[in-house]
Amino acid sequence: TMSNLYEDPDWSQKDLKETLSDARKQVLKNKFFTCFAPYRLKYYLKELCQREQEGHQICFTDLWGLIIETMLHEKEDSHKLTDQQQALNQGQNPLPIYLSLNVKDKISDQDFREWVEFTPYEVGLPKYGAFIRAEDFGSEFFMGRLMKKIPESRICFLEGIWSSVFSLNLMDAWYISVHSEDFWHKWTRDKITDIDDETLFPARPNELDTRVVCPTDSFSYIFRDVAMLRPAASEIHNFLKGFQMNNSYLESEFSKWKDCELDSQPNHLTAATDYLILIDTAFAFATSYPPLMRPERKVDVILHFNYSSGSQTGPLKEASKYFAKQGIPFPTKVPDDQETPHLKECYIVGDKESPETPIVIFFPLVNDTFRDYKAPGVKRSPSEMAEGDVDVANTCGPYYINNLSYSEEDFDKLVNLSYYNVQNNKDLILQALRTAVERKKQHKK
């Protein structure tokens, strides 16, 4: 959605009716026959061959990106990420930030994952403070030098990375399904024992603990190879290749973004690999909070519109738990649909916490007062009640995540519901903004 909006440099200065009309036309069509028509298959093959000749690593995610292009445009989309600079050069729009996860093959993303941030100007890993120009993403680097320039990818190939459901391995799928940490720890990790003796002498800086690693048995190796393979993940030339980790890397103050098992083993981190393996961030949690929480950005207010399937409060709860563990200020008191099944249309969280904590204006996708009101304060007549019947909670309903096309009625109902929920909570939004302004005033004093 965001990448499509930013194809128009002045999208935020215009009425969105035209944009919604274009989206409506696309979502009403049957995508299967369009995506797999013979002429599109020939086009996919031609594009993949050209991409390989340019020097890119080809994988199924590239094909998925071309399918996304067909679903959204039904023709070649020549736009690139750097083209979105035109939508920013006059300060006319907010900075778009896209997010992905860097993982390792044959390792669960619970044991190794790193946030990768994309903007029209740069791409990088906040954990290492390492960024390159967006037009150089995919090119070959060594020790920070550009060794081989590879043409910038079209935006559809990046969309394939950002929304790739195919890069999940079997162990990640198991964890997501049952959240059984003991199971995947047993079968995917070597046994590691710390054998350092306690000493009265102060620890020397930058010294690693001494450990004994007991590899798993041969059966576990076979299981690991099968269950943790990522045959469809996107491989990109690693722009950190050849670098050495800073001596202070193991110190907790070095980076707030160290959050995985391999962070205690610097030689196994990204600088030692030839390729980045990029997957959808939904495999961590289904929001894009991390780039907003970098302290340099000093975010005051976040509007969170949840459109995830399943638990409406789950993504916000997962984010809250993650940032608490990392020591990053974020609201800790968040709504829980397990404790309060009847959710409100809007919540303000974080406004009663420390001034460093951003205020989150949270909109779960619910149909509450919209059932009885067609506009704030305007009740529906008996003949209009059917228009308020929008089933967004049923997993078998029209808005289930696997449905790629809607009827005209279902599309219009969803747009009207989303519009109403914002309009009906305008006062809460303004209240949150006023609170943020008062915080800044107090901070200056």
Protein backbone atom coordinates (compact mmCIF):
# COMPACT_ATOMS: atom_id res chain seq x y z
CA THR A 1 0.00 0.00 0.00
CA MET A 2 2.67 2.51 1.03
CA SER A 3 4.91 1.85 -1.97
CA ASN A 4 1.94 2.42 -4.29
CA LEU A 5 1.04 5.69 -2.58
CA TYR A 6 4.58 7.04 -2.95
CA GLU A 7 4.56 6.55 -6.71
CA ASP A 8 2.69 9.88 -6.70
CA PRO A 9 5.00 12.60 -5.26
CA ASP A 10 2.02 14.65 -4.08
CA TRP A 11 -0.31 11.91 -2.86
CA SER A 12 -0.91 13.46 0.57
CA GLN A 13 -1.90 16.79 -0.99
CA LYS A 14 -4.76 15.20 -2.93
CA ASP A 15 -8.12 13.64 -2.23
CA LEU A 16 -7.65 9.89 -1.81
CA LYS A 17 -10.86 9.07 -3.68
CA GLU A 18 -8.94 8.42 -6.90
CA THR A 19 -6.45 6.18 -5.07
CA LEU A 20 -9.27 4.24 -3.42
CA SER A 21 -11.04 3.93 -6.76
CA ASP A 22 -7.93 2.39 -8.34
CA ALA A 23 -7.55 -0.02 -5.41
CA ARG A 24 -11.22 -0.92 -5.71
CA LYS A 25 -10.84 -1.83 -9.38
CA GLN A 26 -7.92 -4.14 -8.64
CA VAL A 27 -9.42 -5.87 -5.61
CA LEU A 28 -12.63 -6.76 -7.47
CA LYS A 29 -10.79 -8.83 -10.07
CA ASN A 30 -10.03 -12.54 -9.94
CA LYS A 31 -6.25 -12.52 -9.51
CA PHE A 32 -5.52 -16.18 -10.20
CA PHE A 33 -6.27 -16.16 -13.92
CA THR A 34 -4.51 -12.83 -14.43
CA CYS A 35 -1.36 -13.81 -12.52
CA PHE A 36 -0.94 -17.16 -14.27
CA ALA A 37 -2.06 -16.30 -17.78
CA PRO A 38 0.41 -17.63 -20.41
CA TYR A 39 1.58 -14.15 -21.43
CA ARG A 40 2.36 -13.30 -17.78
CA LEU A 41 4.33 -16.52 -17.31
CA LYS A 42 6.47 -15.61 -20.33
CA TYR A 43 6.97 -12.16 -18.84
CA TYR A 44 8.07 -13.65 -15.50
CA LEU A 45 10.64 -15.87 -17.23
CA LYS A 46 12.04 -12.96 -19.24
CA GLU A 47 12.36 -10.74 -16.15
CA LEU A 48 14.01 -13.44 -14.05
CA CYS A 49 16.55 -14.22 -16.79
CA GLN A 50 17.37 -10.53 -17.16
CA ARG A 51 17.73 -10.19 -13.39
CA GLU A 52 20.16 -13.10 -13.27
CA GLN A 53 22.24 -11.60 -16.11
CA GLU A 54 22.49 -8.35 -14.13
CA GLY A 55 24.13 -10.24 -11.25
CA HIS A 56 21.26 -10.72 -8.81
CA GLN A 57 20.72 -13.98 -6.94
CA ILE A 58 17.46 -15.47 -8.24
CA CYS A 59 14.98 -17.17 -5.90
CA PHE A 60 11.27 -17.82 -5.58
CA THR A 61 10.80 -14.49 -3.78
CA ASP A 62 11.65 -12.72 -7.05
CA LEU A 63 8.84 -14.60 -8.78
CA TRP A 64 6.53 -13.67 -5.92
CA GLY A 65 7.46 -10.01 -6.42
CA LEU A 66 6.47 -10.25 -10.09
CA ILE A 67 3.16 -11.84 -9.08
CA ILE A 68 2.55 -8.95 -6.67
CA GLU A 69 3.28 -6.56 -9.54
CA THR A 70 0.62 -8.30 -11.62
CA MET A 71 -1.93 -8.22 -8.80
CA LEU A 72 -1.42 -4.49 -8.22
CA HIS A 73 -0.77 -3.18 -11.73
CA GLU A 74 -1.34 -5.94 -14.34
CA LYS A 75 1.62 -4.47 -16.24
CA GLU A 76 5.29 -3.73 -15.73
CA ASP A 77 5.92 -1.22 -12.95
CA SER A 78 9.23 0.54 -13.59
CA HIS A 79 9.32 2.36 -10.24
CA LYS A 80 12.30 1.88 -7.91
CA LEU A 81 12.73 2.64 -4.24
CA THR A 82 14.93 5.67 -4.95
CA ASP A 83 12.17 7.16 -7.14
CA GLN A 84 10.27 7.85 -3.93
CA GLN A 85 12.78 10.59 -3.13
CA GLN A 86 10.66 12.79 -5.41
CA ALA A 87 7.83 12.46 -2.89
CA LEU A 88 10.13 13.79 -0.15
CA ASN A 89 12.38 16.43 -1.71
CA GLN A 90 10.02 19.28 -0.77
CA GLY A 91 9.11 17.84 2.62
CA GLN A 92 5.60 17.23 1.32
CA ASN A 93 5.21 13.70 2.72
CA PRO A 94 6.43 11.66 5.72
CA LEU A 95 9.51 9.47 5.24
CA PRO A 96 8.39 5.96 4.21
CA ILE A 97 10.24 3.21 6.08
CA TYR A 98 10.03 -0.42 5.02
CA LEU A 99 11.28 -3.32 7.10
CA SER A 100 12.61 -6.83 6.64
CA LEU A 101 14.38 -9.47 8.73
CA ASN A 102 17.86 -10.82 8.03
CA VAL A 103 18.06 -14.48 9.10
CA LYS A 104 20.31 -17.49 8.53
CA ASP A 105 19.67 -20.68 6.65
CA LYS A 106 19.20 -23.74 8.90
CA ILE A 107 18.76 -21.50 11.95
CA SER A 108 15.42 -20.48 13.42
CA ASP A 109 14.61 -16.78 13.40
CA GLN A 110 14.14 -17.14 17.18
CA ASP A 111 17.89 -17.80 17.41
CA PHE A 112 19.04 -15.27 14.82
CA ARG A 113 17.25 -12.29 13.32
CA GLU A 114 18.27 -8.74 12.51
CA TRP A 115 16.11 -5.82 11.46
CA VAL A 116 16.86 -4.41 8.00
CA GLU A 117 15.54 -0.93 7.29
CA PHE A 118 14.70 0.45 3.85
CA THR A 119 14.07 4.10 2.94
CA PRO A 120 14.30 5.87 -0.43
CA TYR A 121 17.74 7.14 0.64
CA GLU A 122 19.44 4.23 2.41
CA VAL A 123 19.23 0.57 3.39
CA GLY A 124 20.91 -0.87 6.45
CA LEU A 125 21.00 -2.77 9.71
CA PRO A 126 20.44 -0.55 12.77
CA LYS A 127 22.07 -3.16 15.03
CA TYR A 128 25.46 -2.45 13.46
CA GLY A 129 24.83 1.16 12.50
CA ALA A 130 25.70 0.13 8.92
CA PHE A 131 23.85 1.67 5.97
CA ILE A 132 24.43 2.03 2.22
CA ARG A 133 22.75 4.14 -0.44
CA ALA A 134 19.44 2.65 -1.53
CA GLU A 135 20.56 2.52 -5.18
CA ASP A 136 23.51 0.29 -4.16
CA PHE A 137 21.40 -2.32 -2.36
CA GLY A 138 22.09 -5.67 -4.05
CA SER A 139 25.55 -4.65 -5.29
CA GLU A 140 28.72 -6.42 -4.15
CA PHE A 141 30.76 -4.84 -1.34
CA PHE A 142 33.93 -5.80 0.51
CA MET A 143 35.16 -3.99 3.63
CA GLY A 144 32.84 -1.12 2.84
CA ARG A 145 34.01 -0.64 -0.74
CA LEU A 146 31.71 -1.06 -3.73
CA MET A 147 33.32 -3.87 -5.73
CA LYS A 148 30.66 -4.53 -8.38
CA LYS A 149 27.74 -2.25 -9.16
CA ILE A 150 24.53 -4.16 -9.89
CA PRO A 151 21.49 -2.27 -11.26
CA GLU A 152 18.94 -1.22 -8.65
CA SER A 153 15.98 -3.59 -8.36
CA ARG A 154 12.51 -2.49 -9.34
CA ILE A 155 10.16 -1.94 -6.40
CA CYS A 156 8.20 -5.14 -7.08
CA PHE A 157 11.21 -7.28 -6.15
CA LEU A 158 11.52 -5.46 -2.83
CA GLU A 159 7.79 -5.92 -2.25
CA GLY A 160 8.41 -9.64 -2.75
CA ILE A 161 10.89 -9.51 0.15
CA TRP A 162 8.74 -7.36 2.42
CA SER A 163 5.70 -9.62 2.01
CA SER A 164 7.21 -13.05 1.44
CA VAL A 165 5.21 -15.83 3.06
CA PHE A 166 7.43 -18.46 1.44
CA SER A 167 10.66 -17.89 3.40
CA LEU A 168 9.35 -19.53 6.57
CA ASN A 169 11.11 -22.74 7.58
CA LEU A 170 9.31 -25.63 9.28
CA MET A 171 10.67 -24.83 12.74
CA ASP A 172 9.53 -21.21 12.54
CA ALA A 173 6.09 -22.43 11.45
CA TRP A 174 5.98 -24.80 14.42
CA TYR A 175 6.96 -22.05 16.85
CA ILE A 176 4.36 -19.65 15.46
CA SER A 177 1.69 -22.36 15.72
CA VAL A 178 2.34 -23.61 19.25
CA HIS A 179 4.93 -21.21 20.79
CA SER A 180 6.83 -24.21 22.16
CA GLU A 181 10.34 -22.91 22.88
CA ASP A 182 11.49 -26.11 24.60
CA PHE A 183 10.73 -28.17 21.51
CA TRP A 184 12.71 -26.15 19.01
CA HIS A 185 15.56 -25.48 21.48
CA LYS A 186 15.96 -29.23 21.96
CA TRP A 187 16.12 -30.04 18.26
CA THR A 188 17.83 -26.98 16.79
CA ARG A 189 20.53 -25.93 19.24
CA ASP A 190 23.80 -27.46 20.33
CA LYS A 191 24.20 -27.82 24.08
CA ILE A 192 26.35 -24.95 25.39
CA THR A 193 27.82 -24.94 28.91
CA ASP A 194 29.64 -22.01 30.53
CA ILE A 195 32.75 -23.42 32.27
CA ASP A 196 34.42 -20.22 33.50
CA ASP A 197 35.29 -20.39 37.22
CA GLU A 198 34.27 -17.53 39.44
CA THR A 199 37.19 -15.23 40.23
CA LEU A 200 37.87 -12.38 42.60
CA PHE A 201 39.71 -10.47 39.90
CA PRO A 202 37.77 -7.99 37.76
CA ALA A 203 36.83 -9.24 34.32
CA ARG A 204 38.98 -7.97 31.49
CA PRO A 205 37.12 -5.84 28.93
CA ASN A 206 36.11 -7.46 25.64
CA GLU A 207 36.86 -10.96 26.97
CA LEU A 208 34.52 -13.76 25.89
CA ASP A 209 33.24 -16.40 28.30
CA THR A 210 34.77 -19.88 27.97
CA ARG A 211 32.18 -22.43 26.90
CA VAL A 212 31.93 -26.08 25.94
CA VAL A 213 29.77 -26.78 22.89
CA CYS A 214 28.32 -30.30 22.65
CA PRO A 215 26.97 -30.85 19.13
CA THR A 216 23.67 -32.65 18.74
CA ASP A 217 23.58 -36.22 17.47
CA SER A 218 23.37 -37.23 13.80
CA PHE A 219 19.59 -37.58 13.87
CA SER A 220 19.24 -34.04 15.18
CA TYR A 221 21.54 -32.80 12.41
CA ILE A 222 19.32 -34.43 9.78
CA PHE A 223 16.20 -33.04 11.44
CA ARG A 224 17.78 -29.57 11.57
CA ASP A 225 18.76 -29.66 7.89
CA VAL A 226 15.22 -30.55 6.82
CA ALA A 227 13.19 -28.49 9.28
CA MET A 228 15.27 -25.32 9.08
CA LEU A 229 15.92 -25.05 5.36
CA ARG A 230 14.72 -21.85 3.64
CA PRO A 231 14.53 -22.81 -0.05
CA ALA A 232 12.53 -19.73 -1.01
CA ALA A 233 14.22 -16.99 1.03
CA SER A 234 15.72 -14.02 -0.80
CA GLU A 235 19.54 -13.87 -0.95
CA ILE A 236 21.15 -10.44 -1.36
CA HIS A 237 24.87 -9.63 -1.57
CA ASN A 238 26.02 -8.73 1.94
CA PHE A 239 27.28 -5.14 2.11
CA LEU A 240 28.92 -5.90 5.50
CA LYS A 241 31.15 -8.60 4.04
CA GLY A 242 34.76 -8.35 5.24
CA PHE A 243 34.14 -6.13 8.25
CA GLN A 244 35.32 -7.01 11.77
CA MET A 245 33.15 -6.48 14.84
CA ASN A 246 34.00 -3.59 17.17
CA ASN A 247 35.79 -4.68 20.36
CA SER A 248 32.96 -3.19 22.41
CA TYR A 249 30.26 -5.16 20.61
CA LEU A 250 29.58 -7.52 23.54
CA GLU A 251 28.92 -4.64 25.93
CA SER A 252 25.20 -4.11 26.47
CA GLU A 253 25.46 -0.38 25.73
CA PHE A 254 26.82 -1.01 22.23
CA SER A 255 23.41 -1.64 20.67
CA LYS A 256 19.81 -1.92 21.85
CA TRP A 257 19.02 -4.20 18.92
CA LYS A 258 20.99 -7.27 19.99
CA ASP A 259 18.17 -9.71 20.65
CA CYS A 260 19.18 -13.21 19.57
CA GLU A 261 21.25 -16.22 20.63
CA LEU A 262 24.11 -15.67 18.16
CA ASP A 263 24.79 -12.14 19.44
CA SER A 264 27.14 -13.74 21.99
CA GLN A 265 29.20 -15.22 19.12
CA PRO A 266 30.43 -12.29 16.95
CA ASN A 267 32.20 -14.57 14.46
CA HIS A 268 28.82 -16.02 13.48
CA LEU A 269 27.16 -12.68 12.79
CA THR A 270 26.38 -11.00 9.49
CA ALA A 271 29.84 -9.64 8.65
CA ALA A 272 31.08 -13.23 8.24
CA THR A 273 28.53 -14.21 5.55
CA ASP A 274 28.44 -13.67 1.79
CA TYR A 275 24.70 -13.01 1.58
CA LEU A 276 21.85 -11.50 3.53
CA ILE A 277 18.83 -13.82 3.75
CA LEU A 278 15.77 -11.58 3.96
CA ILE A 279 12.25 -12.52 5.03
CA ASP A 280 8.97 -10.85 6.01
CA THR A 281 9.01 -9.18 9.46
CA ALA A 282 5.67 -10.80 10.32
CA PHE A 283 7.69 -13.84 11.40
CA ALA A 284 8.90 -11.75 14.38
CA PHE A 285 5.76 -9.73 15.03
CA ALA A 286 3.24 -8.24 12.65
CA THR A 287 4.10 -4.56 13.05
CA SER A 288 6.88 -2.27 11.82
CA TYR A 289 7.66 -0.52 15.10
CA PRO A 290 11.45 -1.14 15.30
CA PRO A 291 12.64 1.60 12.90
CA LEU A 292 10.39 4.13 14.64
CA MET A 293 11.94 3.32 18.01
CA ARG A 294 15.47 4.36 17.11
CA PRO A 295 16.25 7.11 19.67
CA GLU A 296 17.53 9.46 16.95
CA ARG A 297 14.01 9.69 15.51
CA LYS A 298 12.48 10.91 18.80
CA VAL A 299 8.99 9.70 17.90
CA ASP A 300 6.27 11.32 20.02
CA VAL A 301 3.05 9.77 18.68
CA ILE A 302 2.42 6.58 16.70
CA LEU A 303 -0.87 5.79 14.96
CA HIS A 304 -1.26 2.02 14.82
CA PHE A 305 -4.02 0.73 12.53
CA ASN A 306 -4.19 -3.02 13.00
CA TYR A 307 -5.25 -5.08 9.99
CA SER A 308 -3.67 -8.37 11.07
CA SER A 309 -5.70 -11.54 11.17
CA GLY A 310 -6.26 -13.32 14.46
CA SER A 311 -5.82 -11.43 17.71
CA GLN A 312 -6.31 -7.70 17.20
CA THR A 313 -4.14 -6.78 20.18
CA GLY A 314 -1.53 -9.50 19.61
CA PRO A 315 0.90 -7.43 17.48
CA LEU A 316 0.85 -4.54 19.97
CA LYS A 317 1.39 -6.91 22.92
CA GLU A 318 4.30 -8.61 21.15
CA ALA A 319 5.90 -5.24 20.41
CA SER A 320 5.46 -4.14 24.04
CA LYS A 321 7.06 -7.35 25.31
CA TYR A 322 9.96 -7.09 22.84
CA PHE A 323 10.86 -3.47 23.64
CA ALA A 324 10.60 -4.08 27.39
CA LYS A 325 13.15 -6.88 27.03
CA GLN A 326 15.45 -4.62 24.97
CA GLY A 327 15.20 -1.73 27.43
CA ILE A 328 13.62 0.57 24.84
CA PRO A 329 10.87 2.93 26.11
CA PHE A 330 7.48 1.71 24.86
CA PRO A 331 3.99 1.46 26.40
CA THR A 332 3.75 -1.47 28.82
CA LYS A 333 0.04 -1.23 29.63
CA VAL A 334 -1.67 -2.27 26.41
CA PRO A 335 -5.16 -3.65 25.71
CA ASP A 336 -5.61 -7.43 25.66
CA ASP A 337 -8.47 -9.01 23.73
CA GLN A 338 -8.05 -12.17 25.80
CA GLU A 339 -9.00 -10.27 28.95
CA THR A 340 -11.44 -7.86 27.28
CA PRO A 341 -13.12 -9.63 24.33
CA HIS A 342 -15.22 -6.55 23.48
CA LEU A 343 -12.65 -4.12 22.12
CA LYS A 344 -13.21 -0.41 21.71
CA GLU A 345 -12.59 1.40 18.42
CA CYS A 346 -9.60 3.34 19.71
CA TYR A 347 -7.14 3.21 22.61
CA ILE A 348 -4.56 5.73 23.81
CA VAL A 349 -1.62 3.95 25.47
CA GLY A 350 1.64 5.28 26.86
CA ASP A 351 0.27 8.71 27.75
CA LYS A 352 0.45 7.94 31.50
CA GLU A 353 3.98 6.49 31.34
CA SER A 354 7.43 8.12 31.26
CA PRO A 355 7.99 11.12 28.94
CA GLU A 356 10.42 9.02 26.88
CA THR A 357 7.63 6.57 26.05
CA PRO A 358 5.86 7.32 22.76
CA ILE A 359 2.09 7.67 22.82
CA VAL A 360 0.40 5.01 20.71
CA ILE A 361 -3.04 5.67 19.22
CA PHE A 362 -4.23 2.13 18.60
CA PHE A 363 -7.08 1.29 16.23
CA PRO A 364 -8.03 -2.42 16.29
CA LEU A 365 -10.12 -3.50 13.32
CA VAL A 366 -13.51 -3.80 15.06
CA ASN A 367 -17.10 -3.08 14.19
CA ASP A 368 -18.57 -1.50 17.32
CA THR A 369 -20.76 1.60 17.07
CA PHE A 370 -20.63 1.57 13.27
CA ARG A 371 -23.36 -1.08 13.41
CA ASP A 372 -25.84 1.53 14.61
CA TYR A 373 -24.33 4.80 13.34
CA LYS A 374 -23.54 5.71 9.73
CA ALA A 375 -21.62 8.82 10.84
CA PRO A 376 -20.56 10.10 14.28
CA GLY A 377 -23.81 11.01 16.07
CA VAL A 378 -26.04 10.01 13.13
CA LYS A 379 -28.04 6.82 13.76
CA ARG A 380 -28.94 4.45 10.96
CA SER A 381 -32.49 4.09 9.77
CA PRO A 382 -33.95 0.55 9.69
CA SER A 383 -33.29 0.38 5.94
CA GLU A 384 -29.60 1.25 6.49
CA MET A 385 -28.83 -1.35 9.17
CA ALA A 386 -27.47 -3.85 6.62
CA GLU A 387 -24.73 -1.36 5.67
CA GLY A 388 -23.42 -1.55 9.24
CA ASP A 389 -23.15 -5.32 9.18
CA VAL A 390 -19.40 -5.70 8.54
CA ASP A 391 -17.95 -9.05 9.60
CA VAL A 392 -14.27 -8.38 10.30
CA ALA A 393 -13.88 -10.94 13.10
CA ASN A 394 -14.88 -14.19 11.39
CA THR A 395 -11.87 -16.14 10.06
CA CYS A 396 -14.14 -17.54 7.36
CA GLY A 397 -15.55 -14.12 6.48
CA PRO A 398 -14.90 -12.00 3.39
CA TYR A 399 -11.83 -10.28 4.90
CA TYR A 400 -9.87 -13.43 5.74
CA ILE A 401 -6.15 -12.98 5.03
CA ASN A 402 -6.12 -15.48 2.15
CA ASN A 403 -8.84 -13.64 0.23
CA LEU A 404 -7.16 -11.62 -2.51
CA SER A 405 -10.37 -10.24 -3.99
CA TYR A 406 -13.51 -8.68 -2.49
CA SER A 407 -16.98 -7.94 -3.76
CA GLU A 408 -17.89 -4.28 -4.34
CA GLU A 409 -20.12 -4.33 -1.27
CA ASP A 410 -17.45 -5.84 1.00
CA PHE A 411 -14.78 -3.39 -0.20
CA ASP A 412 -17.02 -0.35 0.35
CA LYS A 413 -18.08 -1.59 3.79
CA LEU A 414 -14.46 -2.01 4.91
CA VAL A 415 -13.47 1.46 3.70
CA ASN A 416 -16.52 3.06 5.33
CA LEU A 417 -15.88 1.24 8.62
CA SER A 418 -12.23 2.36 8.73
CA TYR A 419 -13.19 5.94 7.90
CA TYR A 420 -15.92 5.99 10.55
CA ASN A 421 -13.69 4.60 13.32
CA VAL A 422 -11.20 7.42 12.79
CA GLN A 423 -13.84 10.16 12.55
CA ASN A 424 -15.66 8.86 15.62
CA ASN A 425 -12.47 9.08 17.69
CA LYS A 426 -11.19 12.42 16.45
CA ASP A 427 -11.27 13.85 19.98
CA LEU A 428 -9.05 11.05 21.31
CA ILE A 429 -6.52 11.68 18.54
CA LEU A 430 -6.43 15.40 19.30
CA GLN A 431 -6.10 14.64 23.02
CA ALA A 432 -3.05 12.45 22.37
CA LEU A 433 -1.44 15.14 20.21
CA ARG A 434 -2.02 17.77 22.92
CA THR A 435 -0.45 15.48 25.51
CA ALA A 436 2.61 15.05 23.29
CA VAL A 437 2.94 18.83 22.86
CA GLU A 438 2.70 19.36 26.63
CA ARG A 439 5.40 16.74 27.16
CA LYS A 440 7.74 18.62 24.84
CA LYS A 441 7.05 21.88 26.64
CA GLN A 442 7.83 20.27 30.00
CA HIS A 443 11.00 18.70 28.59
CA LYS A 444 12.27 22.09 27.38
CA LYS A 445 11.79 23.54 30.86
